[in-house]
């Protein structure tokens, strides 16, 4: 309620009720001018609200797609060319890798058994 007037949840319902109430005004030249003016403002307000809603939705869509694109590019597992290595980490790696870059198991340090 606004004052003693019932209002509705949607803009379009409130505008429809307002337009219907305008039609109940007396059919005098003064009321016709007021009715025309109020209708013009209501139509403009509806158009501005629709435009604002479209812009808000477009911005929200752009933020969502931008966020999804960013997430797809930022993998939790770094690729091989982004990994940082210490200078000593590369020693002997070539001898333990096959042609495809996989560890062959050669030159591994033996495990200590605790028997």
Protein backbone atom coordinates (compact mmCIF):
# COMPACT_ATOMS: atom_id res chain seq x y z
CA UNK A 1 0.00 0.00 0.00
CA UNK A 2 1.09 3.52 -0.72
CA UNK A 3 -1.03 5.78 1.42
CA UNK A 4 -4.47 4.28 1.07
CA UNK A 5 -3.88 3.00 -2.48
CA UNK A 6 -3.21 -0.64 -3.28
CA UNK A 7 -0.10 -1.18 -5.42
CA UNK A 8 1.04 -4.23 -7.33
CA UNK A 9 4.34 -6.09 -7.57
CA UNK A 10 5.02 -5.32 -11.22
CA UNK A 11 5.46 -2.05 -13.03
CA UNK A 12 3.18 -3.16 -15.85
CA UNK A 13 0.30 -3.97 -13.46
CA UNK A 14 0.62 -0.58 -11.76
CA UNK A 15 0.70 1.21 -15.14
CA UNK A 16 -2.36 -0.73 -16.37
CA UNK A 17 -4.33 0.25 -13.26
CA UNK A 18 -3.19 3.86 -13.65
CA UNK A 19 -4.29 3.96 -17.29
CA UNK A 20 -7.68 2.49 -16.33
CA UNK A 21 -8.08 5.10 -13.59
CA UNK A 22 -7.20 7.87 -16.06
CA UNK A 23 -10.11 6.75 -18.24
CA UNK A 24 -12.44 7.41 -15.29
CA UNK A 25 -11.62 11.13 -15.27
CA UNK A 26 -14.30 13.46 -16.52
CA UNK A 27 -14.26 14.11 -20.25
CA UNK A 28 -13.48 17.80 -20.06
CA UNK A 29 -10.76 19.66 -21.96
CA UNK A 30 -8.76 20.13 -18.73
CA UNK A 31 -8.93 16.43 -17.80
CA UNK A 32 -8.10 15.38 -21.36
CA UNK A 33 -4.90 17.46 -21.22
CA UNK A 34 -3.95 15.99 -17.82
CA UNK A 35 -4.79 12.46 -19.01
CA UNK A 36 -2.64 12.88 -22.13
CA UNK A 37 0.26 14.27 -20.10
CA UNK A 38 0.14 11.49 -17.48
CA UNK A 39 -0.09 8.80 -20.16
CA UNK A 40 2.95 10.26 -21.95
CA UNK A 41 4.99 10.20 -18.73
CA UNK A 42 3.89 6.64 -17.94
CA UNK A 43 4.80 5.43 -21.43
CA UNK A 44 8.21 7.09 -21.22
CA UNK A 45 8.78 5.64 -17.72
CA UNK A 46 7.90 2.14 -19.00
CA UNK A 47 10.31 2.54 -21.92
CA UNK A 48 13.11 3.82 -19.68
CA UNK A 49 12.55 0.96 -17.25
CA UNK A 50 12.67 -1.58 -20.07
CA UNK A 51 15.86 0.00 -21.43
CA UNK A 52 17.46 -0.02 -17.97
CA UNK A 53 16.48 -3.66 -17.48
CA UNK A 54 18.00 -4.63 -20.84
CA UNK A 55 21.25 -2.82 -20.03
CA UNK A 56 21.43 -4.47 -16.61
CA UNK A 57 20.86 -7.89 -18.16
CA UNK A 58 23.48 -7.21 -20.84
CA UNK A 59 26.04 -6.17 -18.22
CA UNK A 60 25.24 -9.22 -16.10
CA UNK A 61 25.58 -11.47 -19.16
CA UNK A 62 28.92 -9.89 -20.07
CA UNK A 63 30.20 -10.35 -16.51
CA UNK A 64 29.14 -14.01 -16.45
CA UNK A 65 30.67 -14.83 -19.83
CA UNK A 66 33.84 -12.91 -18.96
CA UNK A 67 34.11 -14.78 -15.66
CA UNK A 68 33.56 -18.14 -17.39
CA UNK A 69 36.17 -17.30 -20.04
CA UNK A 70 38.64 -16.27 -17.35
CA UNK A 71 38.02 -19.47 -15.40
CA UNK A 72 38.51 -21.66 -18.46
CA UNK A 73 41.85 -19.98 -19.17
CA UNK A 74 43.08 -20.13 -15.57
CA UNK A 75 43.56 -23.84 -15.06
CA UNK A 76 44.37 -25.04 -11.55
CA UNK A 77 47.17 -27.16 -13.08
CA UNK A 78 49.90 -25.16 -14.74
CA UNK A 79 51.09 -26.38 -18.10
CA UNK A 80 54.64 -27.66 -18.47
CA UNK A 81 55.95 -24.44 -19.98
CA UNK A 82 54.64 -22.42 -17.02
CA UNK A 83 56.16 -24.54 -14.29
CA UNK A 84 59.04 -23.03 -12.43
CA UNK A 85 62.01 -25.27 -11.71
CA UNK A 86 65.05 -24.90 -9.62
CA UNK A 87 68.38 -24.89 -11.51
CA UNK A 88 69.30 -28.33 -10.10
CA UNK A 89 65.97 -29.91 -11.04
CA UNK A 90 66.88 -30.54 -14.70
CA UNK A 91 70.03 -32.59 -14.01
CA UNK A 92 69.71 -36.03 -15.54
CA UNK A 93 66.13 -35.55 -16.72
CA UNK A 94 66.94 -36.23 -20.39
CA UNK A 95 68.52 -39.59 -19.50
CA UNK A 96 65.35 -40.71 -17.70
CA UNK A 97 62.84 -39.64 -20.40
CA UNK A 98 61.81 -41.45 -23.56
CA UNK A 99 61.08 -39.71 -26.90
CA UNK A 100 57.65 -38.60 -25.69
CA UNK A 101 58.91 -36.98 -22.50
CA UNK A 102 57.74 -39.77 -20.19
CA UNK A 103 59.80 -40.99 -17.27
CA UNK A 104 61.35 -44.37 -18.18
CA UNK A 105 62.25 -45.31 -14.64
CA UNK A 106 65.96 -45.56 -15.43
CA UNK A 107 68.46 -43.87 -13.15
CA UNK A 108 66.04 -43.74 -10.28
CA UNK A 109 67.45 -43.80 -6.81
CA UNK A 110 66.75 -47.12 -5.10
CA UNK A 111 64.16 -47.13 -2.36
CA UNK A 112 65.28 -47.97 1.12
CA UNK A 113 63.48 -50.85 2.71
CA UNK A 114 63.03 -50.83 6.44
CA UNK A 115 63.11 -54.58 7.28
